[in-house]
Amino acid sequence: MRNGKALLTQTLKAAACTFCLFALCAGPVAAAELEETDSGAPSAMVMFPVTGDGTATKGSMKPAVFNHLIHEKAVSDCVTCHHTGDPQSCADCHTLTGSPEGKGITLERAMHATNIAPRADGNTPKSCVSCHEERYKAKQECAGCHNIVVPARDDKWCAVCHNANVTPEQLAKGTAGSLTAEENLEIATKSVTTKVAPEKVPGYFEPTKVVIDTLADEYQPCLFSHRRHVASLVERIKNDKLAEAFHYQPEVICATCHHRSPLSMTPPKCGSCHQTKIDPANPGRPNLKAAYHLQCMGCHNGMGVQRPANTDCTTCHKAKPAAE
């Protein structure tokens, strides 16, 4: 049995970590110079959708800021991204509408494509999204959630990268391809080094425990240690820049279990969508019992959690006393 004092210590440490992640850094951080890259490439850059005439697509989001410095440190060599072996701009081949040089693959697809077919020569290109997916599915601390939950690709998800604060004049020059390298670096550096962290949401670790008794029949109700599970998830993503970037507010952690519903500190119960029996109108949706077990076991298996074993029912819900 685990030591209760040790568990309390772990929870408090994770709570402090969460406070640091979501509260202490709140507010703007003054822009500063970025250190130089080993390759000599710009430390950061704004990736403008170059149209050639200075007109941005109507309704388009902000240009993406690419932090070359931290990405260069995270990969083995330049070919990871520059798959041709030539460290030129992606937009030189992958244009907005597609070009023969880029084999018809548009810039948007080159940056966001997933499930890219492997190449026979082993030099399979990666998009930004596919590289991120490969990393968090391979990392045990992340795999528990991401093997069973697909991130919602909504506006907030997009804004993690598409966050360049540019003036209309800078946008026009950038999309026309006339922005100088020095101007681009200045904008990118300001975007990278000026951050506003989200405020800590009160009650982030509440409730402490949750009694799951809807299906209690053969066994006693399950007493789920909610606070300890959340604390464990926060501890696992600590000091991971990719995780910190995309877990941009506390409720994102909640979406691990409370998936397919709007981000909220008071999400709906599982039974709001999952019924005790298969819903004929939604045959692909697991019933409530299956939903609980797929979610809990899937997360534990992905993270390599050995206890409880999938066949050890009484660790989570105690056996009922024998009838007299």
Protein backbone atom coordinates (compact mmCIF):
# COMPACT_ATOMS: atom_id res chain seq x y z
CA MET A 1 0.00 0.00 0.00
CA ARG A 2 1.26 3.46 -0.80
CA ASN A 3 2.34 5.74 1.99
CA GLY A 4 -0.33 8.39 2.59
CA LYS A 5 2.21 11.05 3.56
CA ALA A 6 4.13 10.48 0.33
CA LEU A 7 0.95 10.85 -1.70
CA LEU A 8 0.10 14.08 0.07
CA THR A 9 3.60 15.40 -0.62
CA GLN A 10 3.28 14.50 -4.31
CA THR A 11 -0.09 16.23 -4.54
CA LEU A 12 1.19 19.40 -2.88
CA LYS A 13 4.24 19.46 -5.14
CA ALA A 14 2.07 19.11 -8.22
CA ALA A 15 -0.28 21.79 -6.92
CA ALA A 16 2.68 24.12 -6.54
CA CYS A 17 3.79 23.20 -10.05
CA THR A 18 0.33 24.00 -11.39
CA PHE A 19 0.32 27.32 -9.60
CA CYS A 20 3.65 28.10 -11.27
CA LEU A 21 2.42 26.97 -14.68
CA PHE A 22 -0.90 28.76 -14.61
CA ALA A 23 -0.53 31.65 -12.16
CA LEU A 24 2.89 32.91 -11.15
CA CYS A 25 3.86 33.64 -14.73
CA ALA A 26 0.63 35.49 -15.43
CA GLY A 27 1.06 38.83 -17.10
CA PRO A 28 3.40 40.01 -19.87
CA VAL A 29 7.08 39.15 -19.87
CA ALA A 30 9.35 41.77 -21.36
CA ALA A 31 10.78 40.96 -24.78
CA ALA A 32 14.42 39.93 -24.78
CA GLU A 33 17.08 38.84 -27.22
CA LEU A 34 17.09 35.18 -28.18
CA GLU A 35 20.35 33.25 -28.15
CA GLU A 36 21.76 32.29 -31.52
CA THR A 37 21.20 28.88 -33.07
CA ASP A 38 24.07 26.46 -33.66
CA SER A 39 23.15 26.20 -37.34
CA GLY A 40 23.23 29.94 -37.93
CA ALA A 41 19.54 30.00 -38.86
CA PRO A 42 17.33 32.74 -37.38
CA SER A 43 16.44 31.98 -33.75
CA ALA A 44 12.77 32.54 -34.55
CA MET A 45 10.78 33.52 -37.59
CA VAL A 46 7.29 34.51 -38.63
CA MET A 47 5.93 32.20 -41.31
CA PHE A 48 3.83 34.41 -43.55
CA PRO A 49 1.47 32.95 -46.18
CA VAL A 50 3.29 34.55 -49.10
CA THR A 51 0.85 35.56 -51.83
CA GLY A 52 3.23 37.80 -53.74
CA ASP A 53 0.81 40.70 -53.87
CA GLY A 54 0.59 41.56 -50.18
CA THR A 55 -3.00 40.42 -49.73
CA ALA A 56 -3.81 37.98 -46.94
CA THR A 57 -6.61 35.47 -47.32
CA LYS A 58 -9.85 36.97 -46.06
CA GLY A 59 -10.60 35.81 -42.53
CA SER A 60 -7.22 34.12 -42.17
CA MET A 61 -5.69 33.77 -38.71
CA LYS A 62 -2.45 35.32 -37.52
CA PRO A 63 0.79 34.10 -39.12
CA ALA A 64 2.58 31.32 -37.25
CA VAL A 65 5.72 32.01 -35.23
CA PHE A 66 8.34 29.28 -35.47
CA ASN A 67 10.82 29.11 -32.59
CA HIS A 68 13.75 27.70 -34.51
CA LEU A 69 15.97 27.73 -31.43
CA ILE A 70 13.99 25.24 -29.33
CA HIS A 71 13.08 23.07 -32.32
CA GLU A 72 16.70 22.79 -33.39
CA LYS A 73 17.57 21.50 -29.93
CA ALA A 74 14.75 18.95 -30.04
CA VAL A 75 15.64 17.18 -33.31
CA SER A 76 18.66 15.19 -34.42
CA ASP A 77 19.41 17.15 -37.60
CA CYS A 78 17.99 19.69 -40.03
CA VAL A 79 16.65 17.01 -42.39
CA THR A 80 13.92 16.24 -39.83
CA CYS A 81 12.10 19.31 -41.14
CA HIS A 82 14.02 20.23 -44.30
CA HIS A 83 13.49 16.82 -45.89
CA THR A 84 15.16 17.76 -49.19
CA GLY A 85 18.44 18.30 -47.38
CA ASP A 86 18.46 21.95 -48.41
CA PRO A 87 17.60 24.30 -45.50
CA GLN A 88 15.48 26.62 -47.60
CA SER A 89 12.12 28.09 -46.70
CA CYS A 90 9.22 25.62 -46.81
CA ALA A 91 7.22 28.17 -48.82
CA ASP A 92 9.79 28.07 -51.63
CA CYS A 93 8.35 24.72 -52.72
CA HIS A 94 5.06 24.48 -50.85
CA THR A 95 3.02 27.45 -51.98
CA LEU A 96 -0.51 28.42 -50.97
CA THR A 97 -1.99 26.78 -54.05
CA GLY A 98 0.61 24.07 -54.67
CA SER A 99 3.43 23.96 -57.20
CA PRO A 100 5.38 21.38 -59.23
CA GLU A 101 8.43 21.97 -57.01
CA GLY A 102 6.38 20.96 -53.98
CA LYS A 103 4.67 18.08 -55.83
CA GLY A 104 1.36 19.89 -55.54
CA ILE A 105 1.43 19.82 -51.73
CA THR A 106 0.19 23.16 -50.43
CA LEU A 107 1.87 25.04 -47.60
CA GLU A 108 -1.10 24.39 -45.32
CA ARG A 109 -0.90 20.64 -45.90
CA ALA A 110 2.88 20.55 -45.58
CA MET A 111 2.54 22.06 -42.10
CA HIS A 112 -0.52 20.16 -40.87
CA ALA A 113 -0.63 16.76 -42.63
CA THR A 114 -0.87 13.60 -40.52
CA ASN A 115 -0.58 9.91 -41.39
CA ILE A 116 2.10 10.68 -43.98
CA ALA A 117 2.92 7.63 -46.10
CA PRO A 118 6.47 6.34 -45.43
CA ARG A 119 8.96 6.80 -48.25
CA ALA A 120 10.93 3.87 -49.61
CA ASP A 121 14.24 5.68 -49.05
CA GLY A 122 13.42 6.19 -45.37
CA ASN A 123 13.43 9.98 -45.69
CA THR A 124 9.77 10.45 -44.83
CA PRO A 125 8.93 14.15 -44.44
CA LYS A 126 7.21 15.42 -41.32
CA SER A 127 4.75 18.23 -40.86
CA CYS A 128 4.62 20.32 -37.70
CA VAL A 129 1.52 18.47 -36.54
CA SER A 130 2.75 14.97 -37.40
CA CYS A 131 6.06 15.59 -35.62
CA HIS A 132 4.24 16.75 -32.49
CA GLU A 133 1.90 13.75 -32.62
CA GLU A 134 4.81 11.35 -33.02
CA ARG A 135 6.52 12.84 -30.01
CA TYR A 136 3.65 12.85 -27.54
CA LYS A 137 2.41 9.40 -28.52
CA ALA A 138 5.89 7.96 -28.00
CA LYS A 139 6.46 9.67 -24.66
CA GLN A 140 5.02 7.58 -21.85
CA GLU A 141 4.08 10.62 -19.76
CA CYS A 142 1.84 11.79 -22.60
CA ALA A 143 0.76 8.53 -24.22
CA GLY A 144 -1.85 7.66 -21.61
CA CYS A 145 -4.02 10.61 -22.61
CA HIS A 146 -3.09 11.02 -26.25
CA ASN A 147 -3.52 7.38 -27.20
CA ILE A 148 -7.20 7.66 -26.34
CA VAL A 149 -7.98 11.36 -26.78
CA VAL A 150 -7.65 13.37 -30.00
CA PRO A 151 -7.00 17.07 -29.30
CA ALA A 152 -9.74 19.39 -30.51
CA ARG A 153 -8.31 21.37 -33.40
CA ASP A 154 -10.20 24.53 -32.59
CA ASP A 155 -9.20 28.20 -32.72
CA LYS A 156 -7.35 28.04 -29.40
CA TRP A 157 -5.35 25.02 -30.56
CA CYS A 158 -4.40 26.85 -33.75
CA ALA A 159 -3.48 30.01 -31.85
CA VAL A 160 -0.69 28.21 -29.96
CA CYS A 161 1.42 28.56 -33.12
CA HIS A 162 -0.49 31.22 -35.04
CA ASN A 163 0.27 33.98 -32.55
CA ALA A 164 2.36 36.58 -34.39
CA ASN A 165 1.29 40.08 -33.43
CA VAL A 166 1.77 42.03 -36.64
CA THR A 167 0.48 45.35 -37.86
CA PRO A 168 -1.49 45.55 -41.12
CA GLU A 169 1.59 47.06 -42.75
CA GLN A 170 3.83 44.22 -41.56
CA LEU A 171 1.28 41.65 -42.70
CA ALA A 172 1.14 43.24 -46.14
CA LYS A 173 4.93 43.23 -46.46
CA GLY A 174 5.18 39.69 -45.12
CA THR A 175 2.61 38.24 -47.50
CA ALA A 176 4.21 40.15 -50.37
CA GLY A 177 7.57 38.62 -49.48
CA SER A 178 9.17 42.03 -49.00
CA LEU A 179 9.72 41.95 -45.22
CA THR A 180 13.44 41.98 -44.44
CA ALA A 181 15.03 39.19 -42.40
CA GLU A 182 15.84 41.69 -39.66
CA GLU A 183 12.24 42.90 -39.49
CA ASN A 184 10.97 39.32 -39.42
CA LEU A 185 13.33 38.36 -36.59
CA GLU A 186 12.30 41.39 -34.55
CA ILE A 187 8.60 40.50 -34.81
CA ALA A 188 9.25 36.82 -34.08
CA THR A 189 11.48 37.55 -31.09
CA LYS A 190 8.86 39.82 -29.56
CA SER A 191 6.18 37.16 -30.05
CA VAL A 192 8.35 34.39 -28.56
CA THR A 193 9.60 36.32 -25.55
CA THR A 194 6.43 38.23 -24.68
CA LYS A 195 4.02 35.76 -23.15
CA VAL A 196 0.85 36.05 -21.15
CA ALA A 197 0.25 32.95 -19.05
CA PRO A 198 -3.35 32.06 -18.18
CA GLU A 199 -4.65 32.83 -14.73
CA LYS A 200 -4.97 29.99 -12.26
CA VAL A 201 -8.58 28.85 -12.02
CA PRO A 202 -9.80 28.45 -8.41
CA GLY A 203 -10.70 24.93 -7.43
CA TYR A 204 -8.48 23.33 -10.06
CA PHE A 205 -7.92 20.23 -7.93
CA GLU A 206 -11.50 19.93 -6.76
CA PRO A 207 -13.20 17.70 -5.96
CA THR A 208 -10.76 15.67 -3.87
CA LYS A 209 -12.61 12.41 -4.42
CA VAL A 210 -15.52 11.33 -6.59
CA VAL A 211 -17.91 8.51 -5.74
CA ILE A 212 -18.87 6.60 -8.90
CA ASP A 213 -21.92 4.60 -7.93
CA THR A 214 -24.17 4.64 -11.00
CA LEU A 215 -23.34 1.06 -11.92
CA ALA A 216 -22.75 -0.33 -8.42
CA ASP A 217 -24.19 -3.84 -8.48
CA GLU A 218 -21.75 -6.71 -8.06
CA TYR A 219 -19.25 -4.38 -6.38
CA GLN A 220 -19.33 -1.41 -4.05
CA PRO A 221 -19.15 2.11 -5.54
CA CYS A 222 -15.76 3.22 -6.86
CA LEU A 223 -14.06 5.93 -4.80
CA PHE A 224 -12.04 7.81 -7.44
CA SER A 225 -9.10 9.87 -6.12
CA HIS A 226 -9.72 12.81 -8.46
CA ARG A 227 -7.23 15.26 -6.95
CA ARG A 228 -4.37 12.75 -6.95
CA HIS A 229 -4.98 11.82 -10.59
CA VAL A 230 -4.99 15.46 -11.71
CA ALA A 231 -1.84 16.13 -9.67
CA SER A 232 -0.13 13.19 -11.33
CA LEU A 233 -0.98 14.45 -14.82
CA VAL A 234 0.33 17.93 -14.03
CA GLU A 235 3.54 16.49 -12.61
CA ARG A 236 4.12 14.45 -15.78
CA ILE A 237 4.00 17.42 -18.16
CA LYS A 238 6.14 19.70 -16.00
CA ASN A 239 9.13 21.23 -17.82
CA ASP A 240 7.97 19.94 -21.21
CA LYS A 241 7.81 22.93 -23.57
CA LEU A 242 5.50 21.22 -26.05
CA ALA A 243 3.08 20.19 -23.31
CA GLU A 244 3.19 23.61 -21.65
CA ALA A 245 2.39 25.30 -24.96
CA PHE A 246 -0.66 23.20 -25.77
CA HIS A 247 -1.99 22.85 -22.22
CA TYR A 248 -2.66 26.57 -22.41
CA GLN A 249 -5.29 26.61 -19.66
CA PRO A 250 -6.06 24.29 -16.73
CA GLU A 251 -9.25 22.94 -18.27
CA VAL A 252 -7.22 21.25 -21.02
CA ILE A 253 -6.05 18.75 -18.41
CA CYS A 254 -9.70 18.09 -17.54
CA ALA A 255 -10.39 17.18 -21.18
CA THR A 256 -8.27 14.07 -20.72
CA CYS A 257 -11.24 12.33 -19.13
CA HIS A 258 -14.04 14.77 -19.86
CA HIS A 259 -13.59 14.60 -23.61
CA ARG A 260 -15.91 15.68 -26.41
CA SER A 261 -17.42 18.46 -24.32
CA PRO A 262 -16.53 22.16 -24.05
CA LEU A 263 -13.58 22.98 -21.79
CA SER A 264 -14.94 23.66 -18.33
CA MET A 265 -14.07 23.39 -14.65
CA THR A 266 -17.50 21.83 -14.14
CA PRO A 267 -17.78 19.37 -17.04
CA PRO A 268 -20.79 17.09 -17.48
CA LYS A 269 -20.75 13.62 -15.98
CA CYS A 270 -19.87 10.63 -18.15
CA GLY A 271 -23.48 9.45 -17.90
CA SER A 272 -24.62 12.59 -19.71
CA CYS A 273 -23.50 10.99 -22.99
CA HIS A 274 -22.83 7.34 -22.16
CA GLN A 275 -25.95 5.38 -21.25
CA THR A 276 -26.05 2.16 -19.27
CA LYS A 277 -26.97 0.34 -22.48
CA ILE A 278 -25.84 0.92 -26.05
CA ASP A 279 -27.83 3.74 -27.60
CA PRO A 280 -29.34 2.47 -30.90
CA ALA A 281 -29.11 6.00 -32.27
CA ASN A 282 -25.34 6.03 -31.55
CA PRO A 283 -24.13 2.43 -31.87
CA GLY A 284 -20.49 3.52 -32.01
CA ARG A 285 -20.67 5.18 -28.60
CA PRO A 286 -19.61 2.85 -25.73
CA ASN A 287 -22.08 2.23 -22.95
CA LEU A 288 -21.25 3.69 -19.55
CA LYS A 289 -19.45 0.64 -18.17
CA ALA A 290 -17.29 0.33 -21.29
CA ALA A 291 -16.58 4.07 -21.31
CA TYR A 292 -15.26 3.99 -17.74
CA HIS A 293 -13.05 0.98 -18.33
CA LEU A 294 -11.75 2.03 -21.76
CA GLN A 295 -10.80 5.44 -20.41
CA CYS A 296 -9.20 4.32 -17.15
CA MET A 297 -7.45 1.23 -18.49
CA GLY A 298 -6.40 2.94 -21.71
CA CYS A 299 -4.70 5.74 -19.80
CA HIS A 300 -3.00 3.38 -17.36
CA ASN A 301 -1.78 1.10 -20.14
CA GLY A 302 -0.41 4.01 -22.17
CA MET A 303 1.51 5.39 -19.21
CA GLY A 304 2.76 2.01 -18.09
CA VAL A 305 0.92 2.13 -14.76
CA GLN A 306 1.18 -1.38 -13.35
CA ARG A 307 -1.38 -1.08 -10.58
CA PRO A 308 -4.18 -1.98 -10.70
CA ALA A 309 -4.06 -4.83 -13.19
CA ASN A 310 -6.90 -4.84 -15.71
CA THR A 311 -8.28 -8.00 -14.12
CA ASP A 312 -8.01 -6.72 -10.55
CA CYS A 313 -11.54 -5.39 -10.16
CA THR A 314 -11.53 -4.99 -6.38
CA THR A 315 -8.70 -2.44 -6.30
CA CYS A 316 -11.03 0.22 -7.71
CA HIS A 317 -14.38 -1.03 -6.45
CA LYS A 318 -14.41 -3.25 -3.40
CA ALA A 319 -16.33 -6.49 -3.37
CA LYS A 320 -19.66 -6.40 -1.63
CA PRO A 321 -19.89 -8.23 1.69
CA ALA A 322 -21.30 -11.70 1.33
CA ALA A 323 -25.00 -11.87 2.04
CA GLU A 324 -25.81 -13.44 5.38
